[in-house]
PDB file of N, CA and C in Angstrom:
ATOM      1  N   UNK A   1      -3.498  10.363  17.144  1.00  0.00           N
ATOM      2  CA  UNK A   1      -2.921  10.017  15.881  1.00  0.00           C
ATOM      3  C   UNK A   1      -1.311   9.590  16.053  1.00  0.00           C
ATOM      4  N   UNK A   2      -0.800   8.828  15.583  1.00  0.00           N
ATOM      5  CA  UNK A   2       0.794   8.589  15.668  1.00  0.00           C
ATOM      6  C   UNK A   2       1.539   9.092  14.597  1.00  0.00           C
ATOM      7  N   UNK A   3       2.698   9.430  14.990  1.00  0.00           N
ATOM      8  CA  UNK A   3       3.421  10.016  13.686  1.00  0.00           C
ATOM      9  C   UNK A   3       4.963   9.506  13.794  1.00  0.00           C
ATOM     10  N   UNK A   4       5.473   9.339  12.545  1.00  0.00           N
ATOM     11  CA  UNK A   4       7.009   8.929  12.758  1.00  0.00           C
ATOM     12  C   UNK A   4       7.840  10.062  13.054  1.00  0.00           C
ATOM     13  N   UNK A   5       9.338   9.886  13.186  1.00  0.00           N
ATOM     14  CA  UNK A   5      10.019  10.619  13.285  1.00  0.00           C
ATOM     15  C   UNK A   5      10.177  11.854  12.079  1.00  0.00           C
ATOM     16  N   UNK A   6      10.195  11.327  11.138  1.00  0.00           N
ATOM     17  CA  UNK A   6      10.248  12.410   9.955  1.00  0.00           C
ATOM     18  C   UNK A   6       9.047  13.252  10.047  1.00  0.00           C
ATOM     19  N   UNK A   7       7.858  13.132  10.129  1.00  0.00           N
ATOM     20  CA  UNK A   7       6.595  13.671  10.305  1.00  0.00           C
ATOM     21  C   UNK A   7       6.681  14.831  11.502  1.00  0.00           C
ATOM     22  N   UNK A   8       7.216  14.163  13.027  1.00  0.00           N
ATOM     23  CA  UNK A   8       7.439  15.118  13.810  1.00  0.00           C
ATOM     24  C   UNK A   8       8.593  16.188  13.648  1.00  0.00           C
ATOM     25  N   UNK A   9       9.727  15.725  12.973  1.00  0.00           N
ATOM     26  CA  UNK A   9      10.615  16.783  12.782  1.00  0.00           C
ATOM     27  C   UNK A   9      10.015  17.944  11.869  1.00  0.00           C
ATOM     28  N   UNK A  10       9.422  17.595  10.936  1.00  0.00           N
ATOM     29  CA  UNK A  10       8.842  18.428   9.780  1.00  0.00           C
ATOM     30  C   UNK A  10       7.707  19.323  10.619  1.00  0.00           C
ATOM     31  N   UNK A  11       6.902  18.903  11.699  1.00  0.00           N
ATOM     32  CA  UNK A  11       5.920  19.482  12.458  1.00  0.00           C
ATOM     33  C   UNK A  11       6.945  20.366  13.047  1.00  0.00           C
ATOM     34  N   UNK A  12       7.998  19.846  13.994  1.00  0.00           N
ATOM     35  CA  UNK A  12       8.766  20.751  14.745  1.00  0.00           C
ATOM     36  C   UNK A  12       9.260  21.836  13.989  1.00  0.00           C
ATOM     37  N   UNK A  13       9.659  21.686  12.890  1.00  0.00           N
ATOM     38  CA  UNK A  13      10.396  22.804  11.957  1.00  0.00           C
ATOM     39  C   UNK A  13       9.322  23.932  11.567  1.00  0.00           C
ATOM     40  N   UNK A  14       8.132  23.341  11.272  1.00  0.00           N
ATOM     41  CA  UNK A  14       7.066  24.275  11.133  1.00  0.00           C
ATOM     42  C   UNK A  14       6.738  25.122  12.142  1.00  0.00           C
ATOM     43  N   UNK A  15       6.853  24.505  13.424  1.00  0.00           N
ATOM     44  CA  UNK A  15       6.393  25.239  14.666  1.00  0.00           C
ATOM     45  C   UNK A  15       7.327  26.010  15.132  1.00  0.00           C
ATOM     46  N   UNK A  16       8.701  25.935  14.468  1.00  0.00           N
ATOM     47  CA  UNK A  16       9.774  26.801  14.933  1.00  0.00           C
ATOM     48  C   UNK A  16       9.569  28.002  14.035  1.00  0.00           C
ATOM     49  N   UNK A  17       9.475  27.836  12.937  1.00  0.00           N
ATOM     50  CA  UNK A  17       9.012  29.071  11.844  1.00  0.00           C
ATOM     51  C   UNK A  17       7.822  29.740  12.385  1.00  0.00           C
ATOM     52  N   UNK A  18       6.813  29.156  12.911  1.00  0.00           N
ATOM     53  CA  UNK A  18       5.519  29.887  13.454  1.00  0.00           C
ATOM     54  C   UNK A  18       6.237  30.626  14.589  1.00  0.00           C
ATOM     55  N   UNK A  19       6.878  30.100  15.446  1.00  0.00           N
ATOM     56  CA  UNK A  19       7.258  30.783  16.711  1.00  0.00           C
ATOM     57  C   UNK A  19       8.108  31.816  16.370  1.00  0.00           C
ATOM     58  N   UNK A  20       9.123  31.820  15.284  1.00  0.00           N
ATOM     59  CA  UNK A  20       9.841  32.956  15.058  1.00  0.00           C
ATOM     60  C   UNK A  20       8.955  34.196  14.408  1.00  0.00           C
ATOM     61  N   UNK A  21       7.819  33.842  13.904  1.00  0.00           N
ATOM     62  CA  UNK A  21       6.825  34.815  13.563  1.00  0.00           C
ATOM     63  C   UNK A  21       6.443  35.607  14.719  1.00  0.00           C
ATOM     64  N   UNK A  22       5.943  34.494  15.746  1.00  0.00           N
ATOM     65  CA  UNK A  22       5.594  34.868  16.746  1.00  0.00           C
ATOM     66  C   UNK A  22       6.303  35.825  17.519  1.00  0.00           C
ATOM     67  N   UNK A  23       7.681  35.622  17.877  1.00  0.00           N
ATOM     68  CA  UNK A  23       8.406  36.346  18.597  1.00  0.00           C
ATOM     69  C   UNK A  23       8.673  37.738  17.792  1.00  0.00           C
ATOM     70  N   UNK A  24       8.472  37.920  16.692  1.00  0.00           N
ATOM     71  CA  UNK A  24       8.783  38.949  16.267  1.00  0.00           C
ATOM     72  C   UNK A  24       7.804  40.049  16.283  1.00  0.00           C
ATOM     73  N   UNK A  25       6.614  39.662  16.720  1.00  0.00           N
ATOM     74  CA  UNK A  25       5.335  40.305  16.838  1.00  0.00           C
ATOM     75  C   UNK A  25       5.804  41.215  18.080  1.00  0.00           C
ATOM     76  N   UNK A  26       4.381  42.084  18.117  1.00  0.00           N
ATOM     77  CA  UNK A  26       4.624  43.021  19.237  1.00  0.00           C
ATOM     78  C   UNK A  26       4.426  42.068  20.788  1.00  0.00           C
ATOM     79  N   UNK A  27       4.001  40.638  20.542  1.00  0.00           N
ATOM     80  CA  UNK A  27       3.982  40.028  21.758  1.00  0.00           C
ATOM     81  C   UNK A  27       5.414  39.511  22.261  1.00  0.00           C
ATOM     82  N   UNK A  28       6.183  39.996  22.175  1.00  0.00           N
ATOM     83  CA  UNK A  28       7.674  39.491  23.024  1.00  0.00           C
ATOM     84  C   UNK A  28       7.893  39.340  23.976  1.00  0.00           C
ATOM     85  N   UNK A  29       6.833  40.100  24.670  1.00  0.00           N
ATOM     86  CA  UNK A  29       7.357  39.752  26.341  1.00  0.00           C
ATOM     87  C   UNK A  29       6.462  38.608  27.008  1.00  0.00           C
ATOM     88  N   UNK A  30       5.820  37.928  26.112  1.00  0.00           N
ATOM     89  CA  UNK A  30       5.296  36.705  26.685  1.00  0.00           C
ATOM     90  C   UNK A  30       3.585  36.869  26.619  1.00  0.00           C
ATOM     91  N   UNK A  31       3.310  35.794  27.303  1.00  0.00           N
ATOM     92  CA  UNK A  31       1.506  35.931  27.191  1.00  0.00           C
ATOM     93  C   UNK A  31       1.124  36.442  28.365  1.00  0.00           C
ATOM     94  N   UNK A  32      -0.144  37.097  28.421  1.00  0.00           N
ATOM     95  CA  UNK A  32      -0.626  37.924  29.399  1.00  0.00           C
ATOM     96  C   UNK A  32      -0.992  36.850  30.525  1.00  0.00           C
ATOM     97  N   UNK A  33      -0.890  37.617  31.866  1.00  0.00           N
ATOM     98  CA  UNK A  33      -1.264  36.655  32.916  1.00  0.00           C
ATOM     99  C   UNK A  33      -2.789  36.024  32.764  1.00  0.00           C
ATOM    100  N   UNK A  34      -2.645  34.514  33.183  1.00  0.00           N
ATOM    101  CA  UNK A  34      -3.941  34.156  32.768  1.00  0.00           C
ATOM    102  C   UNK A  34      -4.551  33.586  31.580  1.00  0.00           C
ATOM    103  N   UNK A  35      -3.529  34.026  30.323  1.00  0.00           N
ATOM    104  CA  UNK A  35      -3.894  33.735  28.922  1.00  0.00           C
ATOM    105  C   UNK A  35      -3.212  32.594  28.632  1.00  0.00           C
ATOM    106  N   UNK A  36      -3.619  31.368  27.893  1.00  0.00           N
ATOM    107  CA  UNK A  36      -3.002  30.492  27.686  1.00  0.00           C
ATOM    108  C   UNK A  36      -2.751  30.706  26.113  1.00  0.00           C
ATOM    109  N   UNK A  37      -1.537  30.151  25.680  1.00  0.00           N
ATOM    110  CA  UNK A  37      -1.235  30.254  24.170  1.00  0.00           C
ATOM    111  C   UNK A  37      -2.040  29.344  23.423  1.00  0.00           C
ATOM    112  N   UNK A  38      -2.709  29.407  22.148  1.00  0.00           N
ATOM    113  CA  UNK A  38      -3.578  28.679  21.343  1.00  0.00           C
ATOM    114  C   UNK A  38      -2.773  27.202  21.350  1.00  0.00           C
ATOM    115  N   UNK A  39      -3.573  26.027  20.929  1.00  0.00           N
ATOM    116  CA  UNK A  39      -2.890  24.901  20.946  1.00  0.00           C
ATOM    117  C   UNK A  39      -2.868  24.839  19.368  1.00  0.00           C
ATOM    118  N   UNK A  40      -1.911  23.840  18.918  1.00  0.00           N
ATOM    119  CA  UNK A  40      -2.133  23.401  17.519  1.00  0.00           C
ATOM    120  C   UNK A  40      -2.741  22.014  17.514  1.00  0.00           C
ATOM    121  N   UNK A  41      -3.759  21.613  16.603  1.00  0.00           N
ATOM    122  CA  UNK A  41      -4.596  20.554  16.664  1.00  0.00           C
ATOM    123  C   UNK A  41      -3.679  19.596  16.259  1.00  0.00           C
ATOM    124  N   UNK A  42      -2.533  19.664  15.049  1.00  0.00           N
ATOM    125  CA  UNK A  42      -2.043  18.507  14.877  1.00  0.00           C
ATOM    126  C   UNK A  42      -0.718  18.161  15.572  1.00  0.00           C
ATOM    127  N   UNK A  43      -0.354  18.711  16.573  1.00  0.00           N
ATOM    128  CA  UNK A  43       0.661  18.020  17.504  1.00  0.00           C
ATOM    129  C   UNK A  43       0.063  18.035  18.710  1.00  0.00           C
ATOM    130  N   UNK A  44       0.369  16.791  19.294  1.00  0.00           N
ATOM    131  CA  UNK A  44       0.000  16.221  20.530  1.00  0.00           C
ATOM    132  C   UNK A  44       1.398  15.963  21.356  1.00  0.00           C
ATOM    133  N   UNK A  45       1.199  16.491  22.683  1.00  0.00           N
ATOM    134  CA  UNK A  45       2.434  16.025  23.686  1.00  0.00           C
ATOM    135  C   UNK A  45       2.090  14.742  24.396  1.00  0.00           C
ATOM    136  N   UNK A  46       2.637  14.102  24.560  1.00  0.00           N
ATOM    137  CA  UNK A  46       2.174  12.794  25.058  1.00  0.00           C
ATOM    138  C   UNK A  46       3.205  12.367  26.157  1.00  0.00           C
ATOM    139  N   UNK A  47       2.839  12.374  27.639  1.00  0.00           N
ATOM    140  CA  UNK A  47       3.822  11.837  28.597  1.00  0.00           C
ATOM    141  C   UNK A  47       4.598  10.684  28.362  1.00  0.00           C
ATOM    142  N   UNK A  48       5.639  10.332  28.871  1.00  0.00           N
ATOM    143  CA  UNK A  48       6.310   9.055  28.776  1.00  0.00           C
ATOM    144  C   UNK A  48       5.046   7.888  29.384  1.00  0.00           C
ATOM    145  N   UNK A  49       4.943   6.924  28.702  1.00  0.00           N
ATOM    146  CA  UNK A  49       4.159   5.693  28.974  1.00  0.00           C
ATOM    147  C   UNK A  49       2.795   6.325  29.155  1.00  0.00           C
ATOM    148  N   UNK A  50       2.396   7.215  28.477  1.00  0.00           N
ATOM    149  CA  UNK A  50       1.079   8.004  28.725  1.00  0.00           C
ATOM    150  C   UNK A  50       0.512   8.321  30.119  1.00  0.00           C
ATOM    151  N   UNK A  51       1.600   8.241  31.043  1.00  0.00           N
ATOM    152  CA  UNK A  51       1.150   8.817  32.117  1.00  0.00           C
ATOM    153  C   UNK A  51       1.693  10.354  32.759  1.00  0.00           C
ATOM    154  N   UNK A  52       0.993  10.661  33.860  1.00  0.00           N
ATOM    155  CA  UNK A  52       1.716  11.856  34.177  1.00  0.00           C
ATOM    156  C   UNK A  52       2.957  11.640  35.301  1.00  0.00           C
ATOM    157  N   UNK A  53       4.093  12.175  34.979  1.00  0.00           N
ATOM    158  CA  UNK A  53       5.398  11.629  35.729  1.00  0.00           C
ATOM    159  C   UNK A  53       5.059  12.388  37.291  1.00  0.00           C
ATOM    160  N   UNK A  54       5.327  11.745  38.120  1.00  0.00           N
ATOM    161  CA  UNK A  54       5.218  12.040  39.561  1.00  0.00           C
ATOM    162  C   UNK A  54       6.636  11.815  40.309  1.00  0.00           C
ATOM    163  N   UNK A  55       7.265  12.654  41.115  1.00  0.00           N
ATOM    164  CA  UNK A  55       8.534  12.474  41.780  1.00  0.00           C
ATOM    165  C   UNK A  55       7.945  12.460  43.301  1.00  0.00           C
ATOM    166  N   UNK A  56       8.662  11.150  43.884  1.00  0.00           N
ATOM    167  CA  UNK A  56       8.358  11.015  45.404  1.00  0.00           C
ATOM    168  C   UNK A  56       9.523  11.265  46.260  1.00  0.00           C
ATOM    169  N   UNK A  57       9.661  12.215  47.000  1.00  0.00           N
ATOM    170  CA  UNK A  57      11.302  12.486  47.709  1.00  0.00           C
ATOM    171  C   UNK A  57      11.052  12.136  49.171  1.00  0.00           C
ATOM    172  N   UNK A  58      11.860  10.891  49.212  1.00  0.00           N
ATOM    173  CA  UNK A  58      11.451  10.684  51.063  1.00  0.00           C
ATOM    174  C   UNK A  58      12.977  11.338  51.638  1.00  0.00           C
ATOM    175  N   UNK A  59      12.922  12.266  52.099  1.00  0.00           N
ATOM    176  CA  UNK A  59      13.843  12.989  52.806  1.00  0.00           C
ATOM    177  C   UNK A  59      14.000  13.086  54.024  1.00  0.00           C
ATOM    178  N   UNK A  60      14.755  11.578  54.164  1.00  0.00           N
ATOM    179  CA  UNK A  60      15.172  10.758  55.692  1.00  0.00           C
ATOM    180  C   UNK A  60      16.552  10.360  55.215  1.00  0.00           C
ATOM    181  N   UNK A  61      17.302  10.205  56.385  1.00  0.00           N
ATOM    182  CA  UNK A  61      18.418   9.597  56.424  1.00  0.00           C
ATOM    183  C   UNK A  61      18.316   8.217  56.350  1.00  0.00           C
ATOM    184  N   UNK A  62      17.032   7.535  56.685  1.00  0.00           N
ATOM    185  CA  UNK A  62      16.861   6.249  56.403  1.00  0.00           C
ATOM    186  C   UNK A  62      15.128   6.142  56.907  1.00  0.00           C
ATOM    187  N   UNK A  63      14.645   5.120  56.326  1.00  0.00           N
ATOM    188  CA  UNK A  63      13.246   5.144  56.387  1.00  0.00           C
ATOM    189  C   UNK A  63      12.668   4.725  57.834  1.00  0.00           C
ATOM    190  N   UNK A  64      13.584   4.126  58.432  1.00  0.00           N
ATOM    191  CA  UNK A  64      12.923   3.333  59.861  1.00  0.00           C
ATOM    192  C   UNK A  64      13.186   4.626  60.883  1.00  0.00           C
ATOM    193  N   UNK A  65      14.054   5.438  60.947  1.00  0.00           N
ATOM    194  CA  UNK A  65      14.231   6.176  61.914  1.00  0.00           C
ATOM    195  C   UNK A  65      13.244   7.340  61.937  1.00  0.00           C
ATOM    196  N   UNK A  66      12.469   7.705  62.978  1.00  0.00           N
ATOM    197  CA  UNK A  66      11.544   8.695  63.028  1.00  0.00           C
ATOM    198  C   UNK A  66      12.233  10.177  63.389  1.00  0.00           C
ATOM    199  N   UNK A  67      12.652  10.696  62.388  1.00  0.00           N
ATOM    200  CA  UNK A  67      13.504  11.864  62.706  1.00  0.00           C
ATOM    201  C   UNK A  67      12.823  13.126  63.383  1.00  0.00           C
ATOM    202  N   UNK A  68      11.321  13.158  63.198  1.00  0.00           N
ATOM    203  CA  UNK A  68      10.629  14.147  64.265  1.00  0.00           C
ATOM    204  C   UNK A  68      11.040  14.011  65.497  1.00  0.00           C
ATOM    205  N   UNK A  69      11.078  12.838  65.947  1.00  0.00           N
ATOM    206  CA  UNK A  69      11.323  12.448  67.578  1.00  0.00           C
ATOM    207  C   UNK A  69      12.556  13.146  67.882  1.00  0.00           C
ATOM    208  N   UNK A  70      13.627  13.067  66.884  1.00  0.00           N
ATOM    209  CA  UNK A  70      14.897  13.647  67.530  1.00  0.00           C
ATOM    210  C   UNK A  70      15.321  14.908  66.779  1.00  0.00           C
ATOM    211  N   UNK A  71      14.299  15.691  65.837  1.00  0.00           N
ATOM    212  CA  UNK A  71      14.755  16.815  65.420  1.00  0.00           C
ATOM    213  C   UNK A  71      13.584  17.845  66.170  1.00  0.00           C
ATOM    214  N   UNK A  72      12.670  17.598  66.754  1.00  0.00           N
ATOM    215  CA  UNK A  72      11.735  18.489  67.198  1.00  0.00           C
ATOM    216  C   UNK A  72      12.475  19.218  68.215  1.00  0.00           C
ATOM    217  N   UNK A  73      12.859  18.727  69.254  1.00  0.00           N
ATOM    218  CA  UNK A  73      13.597  19.375  70.497  1.00  0.00           C
ATOM    219  C   UNK A  73      14.626  20.438  69.932  1.00  0.00           C
ATOM    220  N   UNK A  74      15.383  20.061  68.871  1.00  0.00           N
ATOM    221  CA  UNK A  74      16.259  21.142  68.335  1.00  0.00           C
ATOM    222  C   UNK A  74      15.442  22.159  67.706  1.00  0.00           C
ATOM    223  N   UNK A  75      14.512  21.797  66.855  1.00  0.00           N
ATOM    224  CA  UNK A  75      13.848  22.830  66.026  1.00  0.00           C
ATOM    225  C   UNK A  75      13.018  23.688  66.691  1.00  0.00           C
ATOM    226  N   UNK A  76      12.522  23.110  67.940  1.00  0.00           N
ATOM    227  CA  UNK A  76      11.875  24.000  69.251  1.00  0.00           C
ATOM    228  C   UNK A  76      12.766  25.033  69.728  1.00  0.00           C
ATOM    229  N   UNK A  77      13.906  24.677  69.898  1.00  0.00           N
ATOM    230  CA  UNK A  77      14.890  25.855  70.571  1.00  0.00           C
ATOM    231  C   UNK A  77      15.116  26.979  69.561  1.00  0.00           C
ATOM    232  N   UNK A  78      14.973  26.778  68.130  1.00  0.00           N
ATOM    233  CA  UNK A  78      15.005  27.875  67.355  1.00  0.00           C
ATOM    234  C   UNK A  78      13.804  28.268  66.974  1.00  0.00           C
ATOM    235  N   UNK A  79      12.764  27.757  66.693  1.00  0.00           N
ATOM    236  CA  UNK A  79      11.128  28.200  66.552  1.00  0.00           C
ATOM    237  C   UNK A  79      10.267  27.610  67.709  1.00  0.00           C
ATOM    238  N   UNK A  80      10.130  28.247  68.662  1.00  0.00           N
ATOM    239  CA  UNK A  80       9.584  27.706  69.702  1.00  0.00           C
ATOM    240  C   UNK A  80       8.129  28.076  69.712  1.00  0.00           C
ATOM    241  N   UNK A  81       7.576  28.779  68.816  1.00  0.00           N
ATOM    242  CA  UNK A  81       6.108  28.839  68.416  1.00  0.00           C
ATOM    243  C   UNK A  81       5.568  27.936  67.410  1.00  0.00           C
ATOM    244  N   UNK A  82       6.551  27.214  66.524  1.00  0.00           N
ATOM    245  CA  UNK A  82       6.317  26.327  65.747  1.00  0.00           C
ATOM    246  C   UNK A  82       6.190  24.900  66.047  1.00  0.00           C
ATOM    247  N   UNK A  83       6.895  24.488  67.399  1.00  0.00           N
ATOM    248  CA  UNK A  83       7.089  23.310  67.438  1.00  0.00           C
ATOM    249  C   UNK A  83       6.412  22.948  69.020  1.00  0.00           C
ATOM    250  N   UNK A  84       5.269  23.006  69.246  1.00  0.00           N
ATOM    251  CA  UNK A  84       4.879  22.757  70.314  1.00  0.00           C
ATOM    252  C   UNK A  84       4.338  21.416  71.045  1.00  0.00           C
ATOM    253  N   UNK A  85       4.286  20.602  69.914  1.00  0.00           N
ATOM    254  CA  UNK A  85       3.948  19.156  70.248  1.00  0.00           C
ATOM    255  C   UNK A  85       5.014  18.327  71.040  1.00  0.00           C
ATOM    256  N   UNK A  86       4.537  17.315  71.918  1.00  0.00           N
ATOM    257  CA  UNK A  86       5.537  16.785  72.819  1.00  0.00           C
ATOM    258  C   UNK A  86       6.298  15.744  71.920  1.00  0.00           C
ATOM    259  N   UNK A  87       7.282  15.782  71.689  1.00  0.00           N
ATOM    260  CA  UNK A  87       8.117  14.869  70.904  1.00  0.00           C
ATOM    261  C   UNK A  87       8.558  13.544  71.586  1.00  0.00           C
ATOM    262  N   UNK A  88       8.332  13.595  72.813  1.00  0.00           N
ATOM    263  CA  UNK A  88       8.474  12.368  73.968  1.00  0.00           C
ATOM    264  C   UNK A  88       7.482  11.390  73.498  1.00  0.00           C
ATOM    265  N   UNK A  89       6.217  11.891  72.959  1.00  0.00           N
ATOM    266  CA  UNK A  89       5.203  10.949  72.867  1.00  0.00           C
ATOM    267  C   UNK A  89       5.394  10.025  71.364  1.00  0.00           C
ATOM    268  N   UNK A  90       6.141  10.901  70.318  1.00  0.00           N
ATOM    269  CA  UNK A  90       6.667  10.159  68.843  1.00  0.00           C
ATOM    270  C   UNK A  90       7.356   8.816  69.115  1.00  0.00           C
ATOM    271  N   UNK A  91       7.034   7.852  68.442  1.00  0.00           N
ATOM    272  CA  UNK A  91       7.819   6.809  68.398  1.00  0.00           C
ATOM    273  C   UNK A  91       9.323   7.303  68.021  1.00  0.00           C
ATOM    274  N   UNK A  92      10.360   6.295  68.357  1.00  0.00           N
ATOM    275  CA  UNK A  92      11.718   6.625  67.807  1.00  0.00           C
ATOM    276  C   UNK A  92      11.834   5.851  66.682  1.00  0.00           C
ATOM    277  N   UNK A  93      11.195   4.882  66.221  1.00  0.00           N
ATOM    278  CA  UNK A  93      11.571   4.463  65.115  1.00  0.00           C
ATOM    279  C   UNK A  93       9.914   4.433  64.289  1.00  0.00           C
ATOM    280  N   UNK A  94      10.066   4.129  63.077  1.00  0.00           N
ATOM    281  CA  UNK A  94       8.892   3.906  62.023  1.00  0.00           C
ATOM    282  C   UNK A  94       8.800   2.438  62.099  1.00  0.00           C
ATOM    283  N   UNK A  95       7.785   2.029  62.340  1.00  0.00           N
ATOM    284  CA  UNK A  95       7.328   0.629  62.337  1.00  0.00           C
ATOM    285  C   UNK A  95       7.675  -0.125  61.059  1.00  0.00           C
ATOM    286  N   UNK A  96       8.268  -1.446  61.445  1.00  0.00           N
ATOM    287  CA  UNK A  96       8.782  -2.180  59.906  1.00  0.00           C
ATOM    288  C   UNK A  96       7.391  -2.403  59.290  1.00  0.00           C
ATOM    289  N   UNK A  97       6.186  -2.628  59.925  1.00  0.00           N
ATOM    290  CA  UNK A  97       4.980  -2.838  59.128  1.00  0.00           C
ATOM    291  C   UNK A  97       4.938  -1.864  58.277  1.00  0.00           C
ATOM    292  N   UNK A  98       4.753  -0.612  58.607  1.00  0.00           N
ATOM    293  CA  UNK A  98       4.411   0.603  57.937  1.00  0.00           C
ATOM    294  C   UNK A  98       5.550   0.814  56.639  1.00  0.00           C
ATOM    295  N   UNK A  99       6.546   0.366  56.839  1.00  0.00           N
ATOM    296  CA  UNK A  99       7.655   0.801  55.650  1.00  0.00           C
ATOM    297  C   UNK A  99       7.446  -0.583  54.616  1.00  0.00           C
ATOM    298  N   UNK A 100       7.001  -1.850  55.153  1.00  0.00           N
ATOM    299  CA  UNK A 100       6.784  -2.947  54.347  1.00  0.00           C
ATOM    300  C   UNK A 100       5.314  -2.615  53.429  1.00  0.00           C
ATOM    301  N   UNK A 101       4.403  -2.044  54.349  1.00  0.00           N
ATOM    302  CA  UNK A 101       3.125  -1.718  53.594  1.00  0.00           C
ATOM    303  C   UNK A 101       3.532  -0.849  52.376  1.00  0.00           C
ATOM    304  N   UNK A 102       4.460   0.242  52.919  1.00  0.00           N
ATOM    305  CA  UNK A 102       4.523   1.413  51.652  1.00  0.00           C
ATOM    306  C   UNK A 102       5.281   0.607  50.659  1.00  0.00           C
ATOM    307  N   UNK A 103       6.247  -0.133  50.836  1.00  0.00           N
ATOM    308  CA  UNK A 103       7.298  -0.613  49.792  1.00  0.00           C
ATOM    309  C   UNK A 103       6.234  -1.508  48.943  1.00  0.00           C
ATOM    310  N   UNK A 104       5.207  -2.488  49.475  1.00  0.00           N
ATOM    311  CA  UNK A 104       4.362  -2.935  48.631  1.00  0.00           C
ATOM    312  C   UNK A 104       3.484  -2.248  47.743  1.00  0.00           C
ATOM    313  N   UNK A 105       2.922  -0.892  48.314  1.00  0.00           N
ATOM    314  CA  UNK A 105       2.386  -0.090  47.491  1.00  0.00           C
ATOM    315  C   UNK A 105       2.979   0.449  46.329  1.00  0.00           C
ATOM    316  N   UNK A 106       4.552   0.895  46.696  1.00  0.00           N
ATOM    317  CA  UNK A 106       4.982   1.251  45.698  1.00  0.00           C
ATOM    318  C   UNK A 106       5.155   0.277  44.388  1.00  0.00           C
ATOM    319  N   UNK A 107       5.619  -0.871  44.864  1.00  0.00           N
ATOM    320  CA  UNK A 107       5.640  -2.198  43.924  1.00  0.00           C
ATOM    321  C   UNK A 107       4.347  -2.371  43.135  1.00  0.00           C
ATOM    322  N   UNK A 108       3.276  -2.190  43.811  1.00  0.00           N
ATOM    323  CA  UNK A 108       1.980  -2.329  43.140  1.00  0.00           C
ATOM    324  C   UNK A 108       1.554  -1.188  42.024  1.00  0.00           C
ATOM    325  N   UNK A 109       2.151  -0.197  42.584  1.00  0.00           N
ATOM    326  CA  UNK A 109       1.955   1.114  41.512  1.00  0.00           C
ATOM    327  C   UNK A 109       2.734   1.514  40.584  1.00  0.00           C
ATOM    328  N   UNK A 110       4.172   0.379  40.582  1.00  0.00           N
ATOM    329  CA  UNK A 110       4.877   0.666  39.379  1.00  0.00           C
ATOM    330  C   UNK A 110       6.148   1.622  39.676  1.00  0.00           C
ATOM    331  N   UNK A 111       6.132   1.905  41.071  1.00  0.00           N
ATOM    332  CA  UNK A 111       7.084   3.042  41.476  1.00  0.00           C
ATOM    333  C   UNK A 111       8.276   2.350  41.845  1.00  0.00           C
TER     334      UNK A 111
END
């Protein structure tokens, strides 16, 4: 059901009044673990563009340099039990074909 802005604000004001009643009750400390608050059938929350938002963070200085190749020797000095792989076998750069394929996938997905 689609609502206009006036209906939304009216519903929000009503919900705010209901929440003040809820806050004044003995449940001031919040919900019990594992318990979900009851939903209101006439209020529907819709994500932007009707989709679930997702964030993808590529945490590299550049998408072409394989930082594992350069970082593992340094990390292994600090955490020798965690970095046992042979970093010399890793490529120094991420292949252009992979970066291109990833960019095309992002474009096709609307990212």
